[in-house]
Amino acid sequence: MPEPVVHPPQAAHVARPIFRAVAAVSSHTMSAKKKKPRIFTFPHRQRLDRAADHYLRACYRKKTAARTSEFATFLGVLPQYLSWIAPKILGKPLRVFLREKQVAYAAQLLKTTPLTVEEIALRTGFGTAGTFYRWFVAIHGVPPAAFRELKK
């Protein structure tokens, strides 16, 4: 009788230990040190301040309203990133920072020029006289016309 042919047992599909590799990677990332918070120094503030000055001057020349989103485009960064990073550098929201710079320039124009309040509002990049009036009173505590009379 012929001997039956015995085939070697078929090896079952051997799964690679994928889970071990994943576990090793995830345990590595879990044990990784946390990033230190980034510390911003005076030169960071100076650079952002200078960039804001350049942007605001461009707005003054064009007589257009200054906006944080347009400032981000001017810098070549996303508006969300700039809105996130600026308060860390400046200690206040970017919108407030830009408006304070605009009001300071408006106060200088009120002291040194005979321009009307409406013209100063347009020249300082506020867009409307109402916005200018609201921000000016919030920062100086008096309306622009009264400020002009006080500083004479």
Protein backbone atom coordinates (compact mmCIF):
# COMPACT_ATOMS: atom_id res chain seq x y z
CA MET A 1 0.00 0.00 0.00
CA PRO A 2 1.34 3.31 -0.88
CA GLU A 3 2.22 5.53 1.95
CA PRO A 4 0.09 8.53 2.28
CA VAL A 5 1.82 11.79 1.47
CA VAL A 6 2.09 13.87 4.58
CA HIS A 7 2.35 17.53 3.97
CA PRO A 8 4.00 19.68 6.57
CA PRO A 9 1.42 21.48 8.63
CA GLN A 10 0.44 24.74 7.06
CA ALA A 11 1.69 27.60 9.06
CA ALA A 12 -1.13 29.76 10.18
CA HIS A 13 -0.78 33.39 9.12
CA VAL A 14 1.65 34.85 11.58
CA ALA A 15 0.54 38.29 12.61
CA ARG A 16 3.27 40.71 13.23
CA PRO A 17 3.27 42.21 16.64
CA ILE A 18 1.76 45.48 15.43
CA PHE A 19 0.18 46.22 18.76
CA ARG A 20 3.52 46.07 20.50
CA ALA A 21 4.93 48.63 18.10
CA VAL A 22 1.93 50.89 18.58
CA ALA A 23 2.13 50.47 22.33
CA ALA A 24 5.82 51.30 22.24
CA VAL A 25 5.21 54.43 20.18
CA SER A 26 2.32 55.63 22.31
CA SER A 27 4.19 54.98 25.54
CA HIS A 28 7.11 56.92 24.09
CA THR A 29 4.92 59.89 23.25
CA MET A 30 3.25 59.74 26.63
CA SER A 31 6.53 59.77 28.45
CA ALA A 32 7.91 62.59 26.32
CA LYS A 33 8.54 65.80 28.18
CA LYS A 34 5.95 68.49 27.86
CA LYS A 35 6.99 71.51 25.85
CA LYS A 36 8.01 74.52 27.85
CA PRO A 37 5.78 77.52 27.33
CA ARG A 38 7.31 79.96 24.89
CA ILE A 39 8.61 83.12 26.51
CA PHE A 40 8.34 86.33 24.56
CA THR A 41 10.86 89.09 25.13
CA PHE A 42 11.01 92.81 24.47
CA PRO A 43 12.42 92.33 20.92
CA HIS A 44 9.30 90.29 20.06
CA ARG A 45 7.14 93.20 21.19
CA GLN A 46 9.30 95.69 19.28
CA ARG A 47 8.94 93.72 16.04
CA LEU A 48 5.17 93.47 16.41
CA ASP A 49 4.99 97.16 17.31
CA ARG A 50 7.00 98.17 14.24
CA ALA A 51 4.88 95.95 12.00
CA ALA A 52 1.73 97.53 13.44
CA ASP A 53 3.15 101.00 12.76
CA HIS A 54 3.84 100.08 9.11
CA TYR A 55 0.38 98.59 8.71
CA LEU A 56 -1.36 101.57 10.31
CA ARG A 57 0.59 104.02 8.15
CA ALA A 58 -0.61 102.12 5.08
CA CYS A 59 -4.19 102.38 6.40
CA TYR A 60 -3.73 106.11 7.04
CA ARG A 61 -2.47 106.67 3.49
CA LYS A 62 -5.38 104.73 1.97
CA LYS A 63 -7.87 106.12 4.50
CA THR A 64 -9.16 102.62 5.16
CA ALA A 65 -10.27 101.05 8.42
CA ALA A 66 -7.63 99.06 10.28
CA ARG A 67 -8.64 95.44 10.90
CA THR A 68 -6.82 92.64 12.67
CA SER A 69 -7.59 90.21 9.83
CA GLU A 70 -6.03 92.59 7.30
CA PHE A 71 -3.05 93.07 9.61
CA ALA A 72 -2.56 89.30 9.63
CA THR A 73 -2.66 89.27 5.83
CA PHE A 74 -0.20 92.17 5.83
CA LEU A 75 2.16 90.03 7.96
CA GLY A 76 1.55 86.88 5.93
CA VAL A 77 0.12 84.82 8.79
CA LEU A 78 -3.31 83.40 9.56
CA PRO A 79 -5.65 85.70 11.50
CA GLN A 80 -6.29 82.95 14.06
CA TYR A 81 -2.57 82.56 14.71
CA LEU A 82 -2.02 86.30 15.09
CA SER A 83 -5.03 86.61 17.41
CA TRP A 84 -3.62 83.76 19.50
CA ILE A 85 0.02 84.92 19.65
CA ALA A 86 -0.41 88.72 19.93
CA PRO A 87 -1.92 88.75 23.46
CA LYS A 88 0.99 86.59 24.64
CA ILE A 89 3.45 89.16 23.29
CA LEU A 90 1.53 92.36 24.02
CA GLY A 91 -0.40 91.49 27.15
CA LYS A 92 -3.66 92.67 25.55
CA PRO A 93 -5.78 91.70 22.56
CA LEU A 94 -4.45 92.79 19.18
CA ARG A 95 -7.63 94.76 18.41
CA VAL A 96 -7.16 96.85 21.56
CA PHE A 97 -3.46 97.35 20.80
CA LEU A 98 -4.18 98.65 17.29
CA ARG A 99 -7.00 100.91 18.51
CA GLU A 100 -4.79 102.43 21.22
CA LYS A 101 -2.15 103.26 18.60
CA GLN A 102 -4.81 104.80 16.39
CA VAL A 103 -6.22 106.89 19.25
CA ALA A 104 -2.70 108.12 20.14
CA TYR A 105 -2.21 109.28 16.55
CA ALA A 106 -5.67 110.89 16.57
CA ALA A 107 -4.83 112.75 19.78
CA GLN A 108 -1.66 114.06 18.12
CA LEU A 109 -3.69 115.27 15.13
CA LEU A 110 -6.26 116.90 17.43
CA LYS A 111 -3.48 118.83 19.18
CA THR A 112 -1.55 119.89 16.09
CA THR A 113 -4.03 120.29 13.20
CA PRO A 114 -7.27 122.16 12.56
CA LEU A 115 -8.86 119.07 10.91
CA THR A 116 -12.45 118.21 11.82
CA VAL A 117 -13.15 115.24 14.07
CA GLU A 118 -14.72 113.38 11.13
CA GLU A 119 -11.63 113.92 8.96
CA ILE A 120 -9.36 112.77 11.80
CA ALA A 121 -11.54 109.67 12.22
CA LEU A 122 -10.99 108.79 8.55
CA ARG A 123 -7.30 109.69 8.54
CA THR A 124 -6.59 107.54 11.58
CA GLY A 125 -8.13 104.40 10.11
CA PHE A 126 -11.29 104.13 12.21
CA GLY A 127 -13.68 103.91 9.29
CA THR A 128 -16.51 105.84 10.95
CA ALA A 129 -16.69 108.84 13.26
CA GLY A 130 -18.85 106.81 15.68
CA THR A 131 -16.18 104.16 16.16
CA PHE A 132 -13.55 106.84 16.60
CA TYR A 133 -15.66 108.71 19.15
CA ARG A 134 -16.41 105.54 21.14
CA TRP A 135 -12.75 104.46 21.34
CA PHE A 136 -11.49 107.97 22.04
CA VAL A 137 -13.87 108.42 24.98
CA ALA A 138 -13.02 104.93 26.28
CA ILE A 139 -9.29 105.73 26.34
CA HIS A 140 -9.19 109.45 27.21
CA GLY A 141 -12.46 109.85 29.08
CA VAL A 142 -13.51 112.93 27.11
CA PRO A 143 -14.88 113.44 23.58
CA PRO A 144 -12.40 114.43 20.86
CA ALA A 145 -13.67 118.02 20.61
CA ALA A 146 -13.37 118.53 24.38
CA PHE A 147 -9.89 116.97 24.28
CA ARG A 148 -8.88 119.51 21.61
CA GLU A 149 -10.12 122.39 23.78
CA LEU A 150 -8.33 121.06 26.88
CA LYS A 151 -5.00 120.75 25.04
CA LYS A 152 -5.02 124.28 23.58
